[in-house]
Each structure stands twice: as structure tokens, then as C-alpha cells.
C-alpha atoms as a PDB file:
ATOM      1  CA  MET A   1      60.292  37.898  51.402  1.00  0.00           C
ATOM      2  CA  ALA A   2      60.356  34.052  51.532  1.00  0.00           C
ATOM      3  CA  ALA A   3      56.681  34.020  53.009  1.00  0.00           C
ATOM      4  CA  GLU A   4      55.359  36.117  50.032  1.00  0.00           C
ATOM      5  CA  THR A   5      56.814  34.081  47.515  1.00  0.00           C
ATOM      6  CA  PHE A   6      55.020  30.449  49.310  1.00  0.00           C
ATOM      7  CA  LYS A   7      52.207  32.379  49.351  1.00  0.00           C
ATOM      8  CA  LYS A   8      52.336  33.445  45.564  1.00  0.00           C
ATOM      9  CA  ASN A   9      52.884  29.282  44.644  1.00  0.00           C
ATOM     10  CA  SER A  10      51.142  27.843  47.124  1.00  0.00           C
ATOM     11  CA  ARG A  11      48.952  26.475  44.581  1.00  0.00           C
ATOM     12  CA  GLU A  12      51.219  24.866  42.365  1.00  0.00           C
ATOM     13  CA  ILE A  13      53.711  23.532  45.507  1.00  0.00           C
ATOM     14  CA  ASP A  14      50.648  21.831  46.505  1.00  0.00           C
ATOM     15  CA  LEU A  15      49.837  20.450  43.081  1.00  0.00           C
ATOM     16  CA  ILE A  16      53.631  19.244  42.881  1.00  0.00           C
ATOM     17  CA  SER A  17      52.790  17.511  46.216  1.00  0.00           C
ATOM     18  CA  HIS A  18      49.651  15.744  44.687  1.00  0.00           C
ATOM     19  CA  LEU A  19      51.906  14.484  42.438  1.00  0.00           C
ATOM     20  CA  ILE A  20      54.919  13.335  43.928  1.00  0.00           C
ATOM     21  CA  ALA A  21      52.388  11.551  46.580  1.00  0.00           C
ATOM     22  CA  ASP A  22      50.040  10.216  43.485  1.00  0.00           C
ATOM     23  CA  ALA A  23      53.740   8.878  41.593  1.00  0.00           C
ATOM     24  CA  GLU A  24      54.617   7.040  45.544  1.00  0.00           C
ATOM     25  CA  ALA A  25      51.552   5.442  45.926  1.00  0.00           C
ATOM     26  CA  ARG A  26      51.164   3.981  42.365  1.00  0.00           C
ATOM     27  CA  ARG A  27      55.357   3.093  42.696  1.00  0.00           C
ATOM     28  CA  TYR A  28      54.709   1.596  46.540  1.00  0.00           C
ATOM     29  CA  ALA A  29      51.293  -0.400  44.347  1.00  0.00           C
ATOM     30  CA  ALA A  30      53.635  -1.842  41.537  1.00  0.00           C
ATOM     31  CA  LEU A  31      56.552  -3.305  44.488  1.00  0.00           C
ATOM     32  CA  ARG A  32      53.915  -4.572  46.188  1.00  0.00           C
ATOM     33  CA  GLU A  33      52.619  -6.548  43.173  1.00  0.00           C
ATOM     34  CA  PHE A  34      55.852  -7.444  42.498  1.00  0.00           C
ATOM     35  CA  GLU A  35      56.826  -8.779  45.492  1.00  0.00           C
ATOM     36  CA  ARG A  36      53.034 -10.737  45.634  1.00  0.00           C
ATOM     37  CA  TYR A  37      53.879 -12.307  42.084  1.00  0.00           C
ATOM     38  CA  GLN A  38      57.932 -13.589  43.312  1.00  0.00           C
ATOM     39  CA  THR A  39      56.681 -15.026  46.125  1.00  0.00           C
ATOM     40  CA  SER A  40      53.774 -17.061  44.349  1.00  0.00           C
ATOM     41  CA  LEU A  41      56.417 -18.339  41.629  1.00  0.00           C
ATOM     42  CA  PRO A  42      57.259 -21.700  43.540  1.00  0.00           C
ATOM     43  CA  ALA A  43      54.403 -22.733  44.479  1.00  0.00           C
ATOM     44  CA  HIS A  44      52.704 -21.868  41.065  1.00  0.00           C
ATOM     45  CA  ALA A  45      55.287 -23.877  39.738  1.00  0.00           C
ATOM     46  CA  GLN A  46      55.000 -26.747  42.147  1.00  0.00           C
ATOM     47  CA  SER A  47      51.349 -27.162  41.554  1.00  0.00           C
ATOM     48  CA  GLU A  48      51.636 -27.584  37.651  1.00  0.00           C
ATOM     49  CA  VAL A  49      50.404 -30.823  36.803  1.00  0.00           C
ATOM     50  CA  ILE A  50      51.690 -32.972  34.230  1.00  0.00           C
ATOM     51  CA  LEU A  51      49.823 -35.434  32.005  1.00  0.00           C
ATOM     52  CA  ASP A  52      50.435 -38.127  30.082  1.00  0.00           C
ATOM     53  CA  ALA A  53      48.181 -38.477  26.523  1.00  0.00           C
ATOM     54  CA  GLU A  54      47.990 -40.076  23.722  1.00  0.00           C
ATOM     55  CA  TYR A  55      47.450 -38.267  19.819  1.00  0.00           C
ATOM     56  CA  THR A  56      47.407 -39.541  16.531  1.00  0.00           C
ATOM     57  CA  GLU A  57      48.171 -37.890  13.549  1.00  0.00           C
ATOM     58  CA  ALA A  58      45.795 -36.572  11.657  1.00  0.00           C
ATOM     59  CA  ARG A  59      45.600 -36.826   7.997  1.00  0.00           C
ATOM     60  CA  SER A  60      45.967 -34.106   5.105  1.00  0.00           C
ATOM     61  CA  PRO A  61      42.884 -33.748   3.036  1.00  0.00           C
ATOM     62  CA  LYS A  62      42.802 -35.084  -0.381  1.00  0.00           C
ATOM     63  CA  ARG A  63      42.622 -32.979  -2.877  1.00  0.00           C
ATOM     64  CA  ARG A  64      40.388 -33.402  -6.225  1.00  0.00           C
ATOM     65  CA  LYS A  65      42.032 -34.002  -9.466  1.00  0.00           C
ATOM     66  CA  ARG A  66      41.020 -31.108 -11.839  1.00  0.00           C
ATOM     67  CA  ALA A  67      39.702 -31.688 -14.954  1.00  0.00           C
END
């Protein structure tokens, strides 16, 4: 009886198995990317260069008088 049920539903079971495997692969890839991002943060923060700069304020345009 169990073998008969398995045979009837083997296509669905196989599909579910593939969906689970795909989801696990995406999860592991996301975890790898997150770990890579976390480990690169301290190195990236130390590599930032602070520049000293000067600026001048822009003048606002003069308005024309209406006649």
C-alpha cells in the first residue's frame, strides 16, 4: 500500500524535493554574501580617506524688477 501511494505521488515528491533543494541553495548563498559583507565592513571603514577642502558660498541670482 505504501509503495503504491509513493508511486502515485512520486512526481509531486520529486518536485517538492527540488524546490527545497533550490531554497536551501539560495539560503546558503545569501548567508555567504552576508558573511562576506560583514567581514569587509571593518576593512572598508579603515580605508576611507578624509579630505580637507575649502568652499565659497554661492550668491543667489538677482531678481529683475517688474515694470
